[in-house]
């Protein structure tokens, strides 16, 4: 994840998008 996590949940949201397309 290139973006920063500061309590807003960006880390989880971006991981969800990657995981969705990855199918993991």
PDBML (XML) file of the C-alpha atoms, coordinates in Angstrom:
<?xml version="1.0" encoding="UTF-8" ?>
<PDBx:datablock datablockName="MODEL"
   xmlns:PDBx="http://pdbml.pdb.org/schema/pdbx-v50.xsd"
   xmlns:xsi="http://www.w3.org/2001/XMLSchema-instance"
   xsi:schemaLocation="http://pdbml.pdb.org/schema/pdbx-v50.xsd pdbx-v50.xsd">
   <PDBx:atom_siteCategory>
      <PDBx:atom_site id="1">
         <PDBx:B_iso_or_equiv>0.00</PDBx:B_iso_or_equiv>
         <PDBx:Cartn_x>0.000</PDBx:Cartn_x>
         <PDBx:Cartn_y>0.000</PDBx:Cartn_y>
         <PDBx:Cartn_z>0.000</PDBx:Cartn_z>
         <PDBx:auth_asym_id>A</PDBx:auth_asym_id>
         <PDBx:auth_atom_id>CA</PDBx:auth_atom_id>
         <PDBx:auth_comp_id>UNK</PDBx:auth_comp_id>
         <PDBx:auth_seq_id>1</PDBx:auth_seq_id>
         <PDBx:group_PDB>ATOM</PDBx:group_PDB>
         <PDBx:label_alt_id xsi:nil="true" />
         <PDBx:label_asym_id>A</PDBx:label_asym_id>
         <PDBx:label_atom_id>CA</PDBx:label_atom_id>
         <PDBx:label_comp_id>UNK</PDBx:label_comp_id>
         <PDBx:label_entity_id>1</PDBx:label_entity_id>
         <PDBx:label_seq_id>1</PDBx:label_seq_id>
         <PDBx:occupancy>1.00</PDBx:occupancy>
         <PDBx:pdbx_PDB_model_num>1</PDBx:pdbx_PDB_model_num>
         <PDBx:type_symbol>C</PDBx:type_symbol>
      </PDBx:atom_site>
      <PDBx:atom_site id="2">
         <PDBx:B_iso_or_equiv>0.00</PDBx:B_iso_or_equiv>
         <PDBx:Cartn_x>1.606</PDBx:Cartn_x>
         <PDBx:Cartn_y>3.257</PDBx:Cartn_y>
         <PDBx:Cartn_z>-1.139</PDBx:Cartn_z>
         <PDBx:auth_asym_id>A</PDBx:auth_asym_id>
         <PDBx:auth_atom_id>CA</PDBx:auth_atom_id>
         <PDBx:auth_comp_id>UNK</PDBx:auth_comp_id>
         <PDBx:auth_seq_id>2</PDBx:auth_seq_id>
         <PDBx:group_PDB>ATOM</PDBx:group_PDB>
         <PDBx:label_alt_id xsi:nil="true" />
         <PDBx:label_asym_id>A</PDBx:label_asym_id>
         <PDBx:label_atom_id>CA</PDBx:label_atom_id>
         <PDBx:label_comp_id>UNK</PDBx:label_comp_id>
         <PDBx:label_entity_id>1</PDBx:label_entity_id>
         <PDBx:label_seq_id>2</PDBx:label_seq_id>
         <PDBx:occupancy>1.00</PDBx:occupancy>
         <PDBx:pdbx_PDB_model_num>1</PDBx:pdbx_PDB_model_num>
         <PDBx:type_symbol>C</PDBx:type_symbol>
      </PDBx:atom_site>
      <PDBx:atom_site id="3">
         <PDBx:B_iso_or_equiv>0.00</PDBx:B_iso_or_equiv>
         <PDBx:Cartn_x>-0.875</PDBx:Cartn_x>
         <PDBx:Cartn_y>5.539</PDBx:Cartn_y>
         <PDBx:Cartn_z>0.623</PDBx:Cartn_z>
         <PDBx:auth_asym_id>A</PDBx:auth_asym_id>
         <PDBx:auth_atom_id>CA</PDBx:auth_atom_id>
         <PDBx:auth_comp_id>UNK</PDBx:auth_comp_id>
         <PDBx:auth_seq_id>3</PDBx:auth_seq_id>
         <PDBx:group_PDB>ATOM</PDBx:group_PDB>
         <PDBx:label_alt_id xsi:nil="true" />
         <PDBx:label_asym_id>A</PDBx:label_asym_id>
         <PDBx:label_atom_id>CA</PDBx:label_atom_id>
         <PDBx:label_comp_id>UNK</PDBx:label_comp_id>
         <PDBx:label_entity_id>1</PDBx:label_entity_id>
         <PDBx:label_seq_id>3</PDBx:label_seq_id>
         <PDBx:occupancy>1.00</PDBx:occupancy>
         <PDBx:pdbx_PDB_model_num>1</PDBx:pdbx_PDB_model_num>
         <PDBx:type_symbol>C</PDBx:type_symbol>
      </PDBx:atom_site>
      <PDBx:atom_site id="4">
         <PDBx:B_iso_or_equiv>0.00</PDBx:B_iso_or_equiv>
         <PDBx:Cartn_x>-0.644</PDBx:Cartn_x>
         <PDBx:Cartn_y>6.357</PDBx:Cartn_y>
         <PDBx:Cartn_z>4.336</PDBx:Cartn_z>
         <PDBx:auth_asym_id>A</PDBx:auth_asym_id>
         <PDBx:auth_atom_id>CA</PDBx:auth_atom_id>
         <PDBx:auth_comp_id>UNK</PDBx:auth_comp_id>
         <PDBx:auth_seq_id>4</PDBx:auth_seq_id>
         <PDBx:group_PDB>ATOM</PDBx:group_PDB>
         <PDBx:label_alt_id xsi:nil="true" />
         <PDBx:label_asym_id>A</PDBx:label_asym_id>
         <PDBx:label_atom_id>CA</PDBx:label_atom_id>
         <PDBx:label_comp_id>UNK</PDBx:label_comp_id>
         <PDBx:label_entity_id>1</PDBx:label_entity_id>
         <PDBx:label_seq_id>4</PDBx:label_seq_id>
         <PDBx:occupancy>1.00</PDBx:occupancy>
         <PDBx:pdbx_PDB_model_num>1</PDBx:pdbx_PDB_model_num>
         <PDBx:type_symbol>C</PDBx:type_symbol>
      </PDBx:atom_site>
      <PDBx:atom_site id="5">
         <PDBx:B_iso_or_equiv>0.00</PDBx:B_iso_or_equiv>
         <PDBx:Cartn_x>-2.827</PDBx:Cartn_x>
         <PDBx:Cartn_y>5.026</PDBx:Cartn_y>
         <PDBx:Cartn_z>7.130</PDBx:Cartn_z>
         <PDBx:auth_asym_id>A</PDBx:auth_asym_id>
         <PDBx:auth_atom_id>CA</PDBx:auth_atom_id>
         <PDBx:auth_comp_id>UNK</PDBx:auth_comp_id>
         <PDBx:auth_seq_id>5</PDBx:auth_seq_id>
         <PDBx:group_PDB>ATOM</PDBx:group_PDB>
         <PDBx:label_alt_id xsi:nil="true" />
         <PDBx:label_asym_id>A</PDBx:label_asym_id>
         <PDBx:label_atom_id>CA</PDBx:label_atom_id>
         <PDBx:label_comp_id>UNK</PDBx:label_comp_id>
         <PDBx:label_entity_id>1</PDBx:label_entity_id>
         <PDBx:label_seq_id>5</PDBx:label_seq_id>
         <PDBx:occupancy>1.00</PDBx:occupancy>
         <PDBx:pdbx_PDB_model_num>1</PDBx:pdbx_PDB_model_num>
         <PDBx:type_symbol>C</PDBx:type_symbol>
      </PDBx:atom_site>
      <PDBx:atom_site id="6">
         <PDBx:B_iso_or_equiv>0.00</PDBx:B_iso_or_equiv>
         <PDBx:Cartn_x>-3.758</PDBx:Cartn_x>
         <PDBx:Cartn_y>7.596</PDBx:Cartn_y>
         <PDBx:Cartn_z>9.762</PDBx:Cartn_z>
         <PDBx:auth_asym_id>A</PDBx:auth_asym_id>
         <PDBx:auth_atom_id>CA</PDBx:auth_atom_id>
         <PDBx:auth_comp_id>UNK</PDBx:auth_comp_id>
         <PDBx:auth_seq_id>6</PDBx:auth_seq_id>
         <PDBx:group_PDB>ATOM</PDBx:group_PDB>
         <PDBx:label_alt_id xsi:nil="true" />
         <PDBx:label_asym_id>A</PDBx:label_asym_id>
         <PDBx:label_atom_id>CA</PDBx:label_atom_id>
         <PDBx:label_comp_id>UNK</PDBx:label_comp_id>
         <PDBx:label_entity_id>1</PDBx:label_entity_id>
         <PDBx:label_seq_id>6</PDBx:label_seq_id>
         <PDBx:occupancy>1.00</PDBx:occupancy>
         <PDBx:pdbx_PDB_model_num>1</PDBx:pdbx_PDB_model_num>
         <PDBx:type_symbol>C</PDBx:type_symbol>
      </PDBx:atom_site>
      <PDBx:atom_site id="7">
         <PDBx:B_iso_or_equiv>0.00</PDBx:B_iso_or_equiv>
         <PDBx:Cartn_x>-6.959</PDBx:Cartn_x>
         <PDBx:Cartn_y>6.137</PDBx:Cartn_y>
         <PDBx:Cartn_z>11.155</PDBx:Cartn_z>
         <PDBx:auth_asym_id>A</PDBx:auth_asym_id>
         <PDBx:auth_atom_id>CA</PDBx:auth_atom_id>
         <PDBx:auth_comp_id>UNK</PDBx:auth_comp_id>
         <PDBx:auth_seq_id>7</PDBx:auth_seq_id>
         <PDBx:group_PDB>ATOM</PDBx:group_PDB>
         <PDBx:label_alt_id xsi:nil="true" />
         <PDBx:label_asym_id>A</PDBx:label_asym_id>
         <PDBx:label_atom_id>CA</PDBx:label_atom_id>
         <PDBx:label_comp_id>UNK</PDBx:label_comp_id>
         <PDBx:label_entity_id>1</PDBx:label_entity_id>
         <PDBx:label_seq_id>7</PDBx:label_seq_id>
         <PDBx:occupancy>1.00</PDBx:occupancy>
         <PDBx:pdbx_PDB_model_num>1</PDBx:pdbx_PDB_model_num>
         <PDBx:type_symbol>C</PDBx:type_symbol>
      </PDBx:atom_site>
      <PDBx:atom_site id="8">
         <PDBx:B_iso_or_equiv>0.00</PDBx:B_iso_or_equiv>
         <PDBx:Cartn_x>-9.118</PDBx:Cartn_x>
         <PDBx:Cartn_y>6.711</PDBx:Cartn_y>
         <PDBx:Cartn_z>8.091</PDBx:Cartn_z>
         <PDBx:auth_asym_id>A</PDBx:auth_asym_id>
         <PDBx:auth_atom_id>CA</PDBx:auth_atom_id>
         <PDBx:auth_comp_id>UNK</PDBx:auth_comp_id>
         <PDBx:auth_seq_id>8</PDBx:auth_seq_id>
         <PDBx:group_PDB>ATOM</PDBx:group_PDB>
         <PDBx:label_alt_id xsi:nil="true" />
         <PDBx:label_asym_id>A</PDBx:label_asym_id>
         <PDBx:label_atom_id>CA</PDBx:label_atom_id>
         <PDBx:label_comp_id>UNK</PDBx:label_comp_id>
         <PDBx:label_entity_id>1</PDBx:label_entity_id>
         <PDBx:label_seq_id>8</PDBx:label_seq_id>
         <PDBx:occupancy>1.00</PDBx:occupancy>
         <PDBx:pdbx_PDB_model_num>1</PDBx:pdbx_PDB_model_num>
         <PDBx:type_symbol>C</PDBx:type_symbol>
      </PDBx:atom_site>
      <PDBx:atom_site id="9">
         <PDBx:B_iso_or_equiv>0.00</PDBx:B_iso_or_equiv>
         <PDBx:Cartn_x>-9.105</PDBx:Cartn_x>
         <PDBx:Cartn_y>3.091</PDBx:Cartn_y>
         <PDBx:Cartn_z>6.862</PDBx:Cartn_z>
         <PDBx:auth_asym_id>A</PDBx:auth_asym_id>
         <PDBx:auth_atom_id>CA</PDBx:auth_atom_id>
         <PDBx:auth_comp_id>UNK</PDBx:auth_comp_id>
         <PDBx:auth_seq_id>9</PDBx:auth_seq_id>
         <PDBx:group_PDB>ATOM</PDBx:group_PDB>
         <PDBx:label_alt_id xsi:nil="true" />
         <PDBx:label_asym_id>A</PDBx:label_asym_id>
         <PDBx:label_atom_id>CA</PDBx:label_atom_id>
         <PDBx:label_comp_id>UNK</PDBx:label_comp_id>
         <PDBx:label_entity_id>1</PDBx:label_entity_id>
         <PDBx:label_seq_id>9</PDBx:label_seq_id>
         <PDBx:occupancy>1.00</PDBx:occupancy>
         <PDBx:pdbx_PDB_model_num>1</PDBx:pdbx_PDB_model_num>
         <PDBx:type_symbol>C</PDBx:type_symbol>
      </PDBx:atom_site>
      <PDBx:atom_site id="10">
         <PDBx:B_iso_or_equiv>0.00</PDBx:B_iso_or_equiv>
         <PDBx:Cartn_x>-7.338</PDBx:Cartn_x>
         <PDBx:Cartn_y>3.662</PDBx:Cartn_y>
         <PDBx:Cartn_z>3.551</PDBx:Cartn_z>
         <PDBx:auth_asym_id>A</PDBx:auth_asym_id>
         <PDBx:auth_atom_id>CA</PDBx:auth_atom_id>
         <PDBx:auth_comp_id>UNK</PDBx:auth_comp_id>
         <PDBx:auth_seq_id>10</PDBx:auth_seq_id>
         <PDBx:group_PDB>ATOM</PDBx:group_PDB>
         <PDBx:label_alt_id xsi:nil="true" />
         <PDBx:label_asym_id>A</PDBx:label_asym_id>
         <PDBx:label_atom_id>CA</PDBx:label_atom_id>
         <PDBx:label_comp_id>UNK</PDBx:label_comp_id>
         <PDBx:label_entity_id>1</PDBx:label_entity_id>
         <PDBx:label_seq_id>10</PDBx:label_seq_id>
         <PDBx:occupancy>1.00</PDBx:occupancy>
         <PDBx:pdbx_PDB_model_num>1</PDBx:pdbx_PDB_model_num>
         <PDBx:type_symbol>C</PDBx:type_symbol>
      </PDBx:atom_site>
      <PDBx:atom_site id="11">
         <PDBx:B_iso_or_equiv>0.00</PDBx:B_iso_or_equiv>
         <PDBx:Cartn_x>-5.008</PDBx:Cartn_x>
         <PDBx:Cartn_y>0.729</PDBx:Cartn_y>
         <PDBx:Cartn_z>4.121</PDBx:Cartn_z>
         <PDBx:auth_asym_id>A</PDBx:auth_asym_id>
         <PDBx:auth_atom_id>CA</PDBx:auth_atom_id>
         <PDBx:auth_comp_id>UNK</PDBx:auth_comp_id>
         <PDBx:auth_seq_id>11</PDBx:auth_seq_id>
         <PDBx:group_PDB>ATOM</PDBx:group_PDB>
         <PDBx:label_alt_id xsi:nil="true" />
         <PDBx:label_asym_id>A</PDBx:label_asym_id>
         <PDBx:label_atom_id>CA</PDBx:label_atom_id>
         <PDBx:label_comp_id>UNK</PDBx:label_comp_id>
         <PDBx:label_entity_id>1</PDBx:label_entity_id>
         <PDBx:label_seq_id>11</PDBx:label_seq_id>
         <PDBx:occupancy>1.00</PDBx:occupancy>
         <PDBx:pdbx_PDB_model_num>1</PDBx:pdbx_PDB_model_num>
         <PDBx:type_symbol>C</PDBx:type_symbol>
      </PDBx:atom_site>
      <PDBx:atom_site id="12">
         <PDBx:B_iso_or_equiv>0.00</PDBx:B_iso_or_equiv>
         <PDBx:Cartn_x>-7.903</PDBx:Cartn_x>
         <PDBx:Cartn_y>-1.709</PDBx:Cartn_y>
         <PDBx:Cartn_z>4.504</PDBx:Cartn_z>
         <PDBx:auth_asym_id>A</PDBx:auth_asym_id>
         <PDBx:auth_atom_id>CA</PDBx:auth_atom_id>
         <PDBx:auth_comp_id>UNK</PDBx:auth_comp_id>
         <PDBx:auth_seq_id>12</PDBx:auth_seq_id>
         <PDBx:group_PDB>ATOM</PDBx:group_PDB>
         <PDBx:label_alt_id xsi:nil="true" />
         <PDBx:label_asym_id>A</PDBx:label_asym_id>
         <PDBx:label_atom_id>CA</PDBx:label_atom_id>
         <PDBx:label_comp_id>UNK</PDBx:label_comp_id>
         <PDBx:label_entity_id>1</PDBx:label_entity_id>
         <PDBx:label_seq_id>12</PDBx:label_seq_id>
         <PDBx:occupancy>1.00</PDBx:occupancy>
         <PDBx:pdbx_PDB_model_num>1</PDBx:pdbx_PDB_model_num>
         <PDBx:type_symbol>C</PDBx:type_symbol>
      </PDBx:atom_site>
      <PDBx:atom_site id="13">
         <PDBx:B_iso_or_equiv>0.00</PDBx:B_iso_or_equiv>
         <PDBx:Cartn_x>-9.938</PDBx:Cartn_x>
         <PDBx:Cartn_y>-0.239</PDBx:Cartn_y>
         <PDBx:Cartn_z>1.647</PDBx:Cartn_z>
         <PDBx:auth_asym_id>A</PDBx:auth_asym_id>
         <PDBx:auth_atom_id>CA</PDBx:auth_atom_id>
         <PDBx:auth_comp_id>UNK</PDBx:auth_comp_id>
         <PDBx:auth_seq_id>13</PDBx:auth_seq_id>
         <PDBx:group_PDB>ATOM</PDBx:group_PDB>
         <PDBx:label_alt_id xsi:nil="true" />
         <PDBx:label_asym_id>A</PDBx:label_asym_id>
         <PDBx:label_atom_id>CA</PDBx:label_atom_id>
         <PDBx:label_comp_id>UNK</PDBx:label_comp_id>
         <PDBx:label_entity_id>1</PDBx:label_entity_id>
         <PDBx:label_seq_id>13</PDBx:label_seq_id>
         <PDBx:occupancy>1.00</PDBx:occupancy>
         <PDBx:pdbx_PDB_model_num>1</PDBx:pdbx_PDB_model_num>
         <PDBx:type_symbol>C</PDBx:type_symbol>
      </PDBx:atom_site>
      <PDBx:atom_site id="14">
         <PDBx:B_iso_or_equiv>0.00</PDBx:B_iso_or_equiv>
         <PDBx:Cartn_x>-7.064</PDBx:Cartn_x>
         <PDBx:Cartn_y>-0.426</PDBx:Cartn_y>
         <PDBx:Cartn_z>-0.823</PDBx:Cartn_z>
         <PDBx:auth_asym_id>A</PDBx:auth_asym_id>
         <PDBx:auth_atom_id>CA</PDBx:auth_atom_id>
         <PDBx:auth_comp_id>UNK</PDBx:auth_comp_id>
         <PDBx:auth_seq_id>14</PDBx:auth_seq_id>
         <PDBx:group_PDB>ATOM</PDBx:group_PDB>
         <PDBx:label_alt_id xsi:nil="true" />
         <PDBx:label_asym_id>A</PDBx:label_asym_id>
         <PDBx:label_atom_id>CA</PDBx:label_atom_id>
         <PDBx:label_comp_id>UNK</PDBx:label_comp_id>
         <PDBx:label_entity_id>1</PDBx:label_entity_id>
         <PDBx:label_seq_id>14</PDBx:label_seq_id>
         <PDBx:occupancy>1.00</PDBx:occupancy>
         <PDBx:pdbx_PDB_model_num>1</PDBx:pdbx_PDB_model_num>
         <PDBx:type_symbol>C</PDBx:type_symbol>
      </PDBx:atom_site>
      <PDBx:atom_site id="15">
         <PDBx:B_iso_or_equiv>0.00</PDBx:B_iso_or_equiv>
         <PDBx:Cartn_x>-6.241</PDBx:Cartn_x>
         <PDBx:Cartn_y>-3.957</PDBx:Cartn_y>
         <PDBx:Cartn_z>0.303</PDBx:Cartn_z>
         <PDBx:auth_asym_id>A</PDBx:auth_asym_id>
         <PDBx:auth_atom_id>CA</PDBx:auth_atom_id>
         <PDBx:auth_comp_id>UNK</PDBx:auth_comp_id>
         <PDBx:auth_seq_id>15</PDBx:auth_seq_id>
         <PDBx:group_PDB>ATOM</PDBx:group_PDB>
         <PDBx:label_alt_id xsi:nil="true" />
         <PDBx:label_asym_id>A</PDBx:label_asym_id>
         <PDBx:label_atom_id>CA</PDBx:label_atom_id>
         <PDBx:label_comp_id>UNK</PDBx:label_comp_id>
         <PDBx:label_entity_id>1</PDBx:label_entity_id>
         <PDBx:label_seq_id>15</PDBx:label_seq_id>
         <PDBx:occupancy>1.00</PDBx:occupancy>
         <PDBx:pdbx_PDB_model_num>1</PDBx:pdbx_PDB_model_num>
         <PDBx:type_symbol>C</PDBx:type_symbol>
      </PDBx:atom_site>
      <PDBx:atom_site id="16">
         <PDBx:B_iso_or_equiv>0.00</PDBx:B_iso_or_equiv>
         <PDBx:Cartn_x>-9.865</PDBx:Cartn_x>
         <PDBx:Cartn_y>-4.929</PDBx:Cartn_y>
         <PDBx:Cartn_z>-0.314</PDBx:Cartn_z>
         <PDBx:auth_asym_id>A</PDBx:auth_asym_id>
         <PDBx:auth_atom_id>CA</PDBx:auth_atom_id>
         <PDBx:auth_comp_id>UNK</PDBx:auth_comp_id>
         <PDBx:auth_seq_id>16</PDBx:auth_seq_id>
         <PDBx:group_PDB>ATOM</PDBx:group_PDB>
         <PDBx:label_alt_id xsi:nil="true" />
         <PDBx:label_asym_id>A</PDBx:label_asym_id>
         <PDBx:label_atom_id>CA</PDBx:label_atom_id>
         <PDBx:label_comp_id>UNK</PDBx:label_comp_id>
         <PDBx:label_entity_id>1</PDBx:label_entity_id>
         <PDBx:label_seq_id>16</PDBx:label_seq_id>
         <PDBx:occupancy>1.00</PDBx:occupancy>
         <PDBx:pdbx_PDB_model_num>1</PDBx:pdbx_PDB_model_num>
         <PDBx:type_symbol>C</PDBx:type_symbol>
      </PDBx:atom_site>
      <PDBx:atom_site id="17">
         <PDBx:B_iso_or_equiv>0.00</PDBx:B_iso_or_equiv>
         <PDBx:Cartn_x>-9.657</PDBx:Cartn_x>
         <PDBx:Cartn_y>-3.647</PDBx:Cartn_y>
         <PDBx:Cartn_z>-3.883</PDBx:Cartn_z>
         <PDBx:auth_asym_id>A</PDBx:auth_asym_id>
         <PDBx:auth_atom_id>CA</PDBx:auth_atom_id>
         <PDBx:auth_comp_id>UNK</PDBx:auth_comp_id>
         <PDBx:auth_seq_id>17</PDBx:auth_seq_id>
         <PDBx:group_PDB>ATOM</PDBx:group_PDB>
         <PDBx:label_alt_id xsi:nil="true" />
         <PDBx:label_asym_id>A</PDBx:label_asym_id>
         <PDBx:label_atom_id>CA</PDBx:label_atom_id>
         <PDBx:label_comp_id>UNK</PDBx:label_comp_id>
         <PDBx:label_entity_id>1</PDBx:label_entity_id>
         <PDBx:label_seq_id>17</PDBx:label_seq_id>
         <PDBx:occupancy>1.00</PDBx:occupancy>
         <PDBx:pdbx_PDB_model_num>1</PDBx:pdbx_PDB_model_num>
         <PDBx:type_symbol>C</PDBx:type_symbol>
      </PDBx:atom_site>
      <PDBx:atom_site id="18">
         <PDBx:B_iso_or_equiv>0.00</PDBx:B_iso_or_equiv>
         <PDBx:Cartn_x>-6.452</PDBx:Cartn_x>
         <PDBx:Cartn_y>-5.576</PDBx:Cartn_y>
         <PDBx:Cartn_z>-4.585</PDBx:Cartn_z>
         <PDBx:auth_asym_id>A</PDBx:auth_asym_id>
         <PDBx:auth_atom_id>CA</PDBx:auth_atom_id>
         <PDBx:auth_comp_id>UNK</PDBx:auth_comp_id>
         <PDBx:auth_seq_id>18</PDBx:auth_seq_id>
         <PDBx:group_PDB>ATOM</PDBx:group_PDB>
         <PDBx:label_alt_id xsi:nil="true" />
         <PDBx:label_asym_id>A</PDBx:label_asym_id>
         <PDBx:label_atom_id>CA</PDBx:label_atom_id>
         <PDBx:label_comp_id>UNK</PDBx:label_comp_id>
         <PDBx:label_entity_id>1</PDBx:label_entity_id>
         <PDBx:label_seq_id>18</PDBx:label_seq_id>
         <PDBx:occupancy>1.00</PDBx:occupancy>
         <PDBx:pdbx_PDB_model_num>1</PDBx:pdbx_PDB_model_num>
         <PDBx:type_symbol>C</PDBx:type_symbol>
      </PDBx:atom_site>
      <PDBx:atom_site id="19">
         <PDBx:B_iso_or_equiv>0.00</PDBx:B_iso_or_equiv>
         <PDBx:Cartn_x>-7.750</PDBx:Cartn_x>
         <PDBx:Cartn_y>-8.730</PDBx:Cartn_y>
         <PDBx:Cartn_z>-2.907</PDBx:Cartn_z>
         <PDBx:auth_asym_id>A</PDBx:auth_asym_id>
         <PDBx:auth_atom_id>CA</PDBx:auth_atom_id>
         <PDBx:auth_comp_id>UNK</PDBx:auth_comp_id>
         <PDBx:auth_seq_id>19</PDBx:auth_seq_id>
         <PDBx:group_PDB>ATOM</PDBx:group_PDB>
         <PDBx:label_alt_id xsi:nil="true" />
         <PDBx:label_asym_id>A</PDBx:label_asym_id>
         <PDBx:label_atom_id>CA</PDBx:label_atom_id>
         <PDBx:label_comp_id>UNK</PDBx:label_comp_id>
         <PDBx:label_entity_id>1</PDBx:label_entity_id>
         <PDBx:label_seq_id>19</PDBx:label_seq_id>
         <PDBx:occupancy>1.00</PDBx:occupancy>
         <PDBx:pdbx_PDB_model_num>1</PDBx:pdbx_PDB_model_num>
         <PDBx:type_symbol>C</PDBx:type_symbol>
      </PDBx:atom_site>
      <PDBx:atom_site id="20">
         <PDBx:B_iso_or_equiv>0.00</PDBx:B_iso_or_equiv>
         <PDBx:Cartn_x>-11.001</PDBx:Cartn_x>
         <PDBx:Cartn_y>-8.532</PDBx:Cartn_y>
         <PDBx:Cartn_z>-4.840</PDBx:Cartn_z>
         <PDBx:auth_asym_id>A</PDBx:auth_asym_id>
         <PDBx:auth_atom_id>CA</PDBx:auth_atom_id>
         <PDBx:auth_comp_id>UNK</PDBx:auth_comp_id>
         <PDBx:auth_seq_id>20</PDBx:auth_seq_id>
         <PDBx:group_PDB>ATOM</PDBx:group_PDB>
         <PDBx:label_alt_id xsi:nil="true" />
         <PDBx:label_asym_id>A</PDBx:label_asym_id>
         <PDBx:label_atom_id>CA</PDBx:label_atom_id>
         <PDBx:label_comp_id>UNK</PDBx:label_comp_id>
         <PDBx:label_entity_id>1</PDBx:label_entity_id>
         <PDBx:label_seq_id>20</PDBx:label_seq_id>
         <PDBx:occupancy>1.00</PDBx:occupancy>
         <PDBx:pdbx_PDB_model_num>1</PDBx:pdbx_PDB_model_num>
         <PDBx:type_symbol>C</PDBx:type_symbol>
      </PDBx:atom_site>
      <PDBx:atom_site id="21">
         <PDBx:B_iso_or_equiv>0.00</PDBx:B_iso_or_equiv>
         <PDBx:Cartn_x>-9.274</PDBx:Cartn_x>
         <PDBx:Cartn_y>-8.571</PDBx:Cartn_y>
         <PDBx:Cartn_z>-8.202</PDBx:Cartn_z>
         <PDBx:auth_asym_id>A</PDBx:auth_asym_id>
         <PDBx:auth_atom_id>CA</PDBx:auth_atom_id>
         <PDBx:auth_comp_id>UNK</PDBx:auth_comp_id>
         <PDBx:auth_seq_id>21</PDBx:auth_seq_id>
         <PDBx:group_PDB>ATOM</PDBx:group_PDB>
         <PDBx:label_alt_id xsi:nil="true" />
         <PDBx:label_asym_id>A</PDBx:label_asym_id>
         <PDBx:label_atom_id>CA</PDBx:label_atom_id>
         <PDBx:label_comp_id>UNK</PDBx:label_comp_id>
         <PDBx:label_entity_id>1</PDBx:label_entity_id>
         <PDBx:label_seq_id>21</PDBx:label_seq_id>
         <PDBx:occupancy>1.00</PDBx:occupancy>
         <PDBx:pdbx_PDB_model_num>1</PDBx:pdbx_PDB_model_num>
         <PDBx:type_symbol>C</PDBx:type_symbol>
      </PDBx:atom_site>
      <PDBx:atom_site id="22">
         <PDBx:B_iso_or_equiv>0.00</PDBx:B_iso_or_equiv>
         <PDBx:Cartn_x>-6.648</PDBx:Cartn_x>
         <PDBx:Cartn_y>-11.059</PDBx:Cartn_y>
         <PDBx:Cartn_z>-7.030</PDBx:Cartn_z>
         <PDBx:auth_asym_id>A</PDBx:auth_asym_id>
         <PDBx:auth_atom_id>CA</PDBx:auth_atom_id>
         <PDBx:auth_comp_id>UNK</PDBx:auth_comp_id>
         <PDBx:auth_seq_id>22</PDBx:auth_seq_id>
         <PDBx:group_PDB>ATOM</PDBx:group_PDB>
         <PDBx:label_alt_id xsi:nil="true" />
         <PDBx:label_asym_id>A</PDBx:label_asym_id>
         <PDBx:label_atom_id>CA</PDBx:label_atom_id>
         <PDBx:label_comp_id>UNK</PDBx:label_comp_id>
         <PDBx:label_entity_id>1</PDBx:label_entity_id>
         <PDBx:label_seq_id>22</PDBx:label_seq_id>
         <PDBx:occupancy>1.00</PDBx:occupancy>
         <PDBx:pdbx_PDB_model_num>1</PDBx:pdbx_PDB_model_num>
         <PDBx:type_symbol>C</PDBx:type_symbol>
      </PDBx:atom_site>
      <PDBx:atom_site id="23">
         <PDBx:B_iso_or_equiv>0.00</PDBx:B_iso_or_equiv>
         <PDBx:Cartn_x>-9.227</PDBx:Cartn_x>
         <PDBx:Cartn_y>-13.557</PDBx:Cartn_y>
         <PDBx:Cartn_z>-5.808</PDBx:Cartn_z>
         <PDBx:auth_asym_id>A</PDBx:auth_asym_id>
         <PDBx:auth_atom_id>CA</PDBx:auth_atom_id>
         <PDBx:auth_comp_id>UNK</PDBx:auth_comp_id>
         <PDBx:auth_seq_id>23</PDBx:auth_seq_id>
         <PDBx:group_PDB>ATOM</PDBx:group_PDB>
         <PDBx:label_alt_id xsi:nil="true" />
         <PDBx:label_asym_id>A</PDBx:label_asym_id>
         <PDBx:label_atom_id>CA</PDBx:label_atom_id>
         <PDBx:label_comp_id>UNK</PDBx:label_comp_id>
         <PDBx:label_entity_id>1</PDBx:label_entity_id>
         <PDBx:label_seq_id>23</PDBx:label_seq_id>
         <PDBx:occupancy>1.00</PDBx:occupancy>
         <PDBx:pdbx_PDB_model_num>1</PDBx:pdbx_PDB_model_num>
         <PDBx:type_symbol>C</PDBx:type_symbol>
      </PDBx:atom_site>
      <PDBx:atom_site id="24">
         <PDBx:B_iso_or_equiv>0.00</PDBx:B_iso_or_equiv>
         <PDBx:Cartn_x>-7.304</PDBx:Cartn_x>
         <PDBx:Cartn_y>-14.450</PDBx:Cartn_y>
         <PDBx:Cartn_z>-2.658</PDBx:Cartn_z>
         <PDBx:auth_asym_id>A</PDBx:auth_asym_id>
         <PDBx:auth_atom_id>CA</PDBx:auth_atom_id>
         <PDBx:auth_comp_id>UNK</PDBx:auth_comp_id>
         <PDBx:auth_seq_id>24</PDBx:auth_seq_id>
         <PDBx:group_PDB>ATOM</PDBx:group_PDB>
         <PDBx:label_alt_id xsi:nil="true" />
         <PDBx:label_asym_id>A</PDBx:label_asym_id>
         <PDBx:label_atom_id>CA</PDBx:label_atom_id>
         <PDBx:label_comp_id>UNK</PDBx:label_comp_id>
         <PDBx:label_entity_id>1</PDBx:label_entity_id>
         <PDBx:label_seq_id>24</PDBx:label_seq_id>
         <PDBx:occupancy>1.00</PDBx:occupancy>
         <PDBx:pdbx_PDB_model_num>1</PDBx:pdbx_PDB_model_num>
         <PDBx:type_symbol>C</PDBx:type_symbol>
      </PDBx:atom_site>
   </PDBx:atom_siteCategory>
</PDBx:datablock>
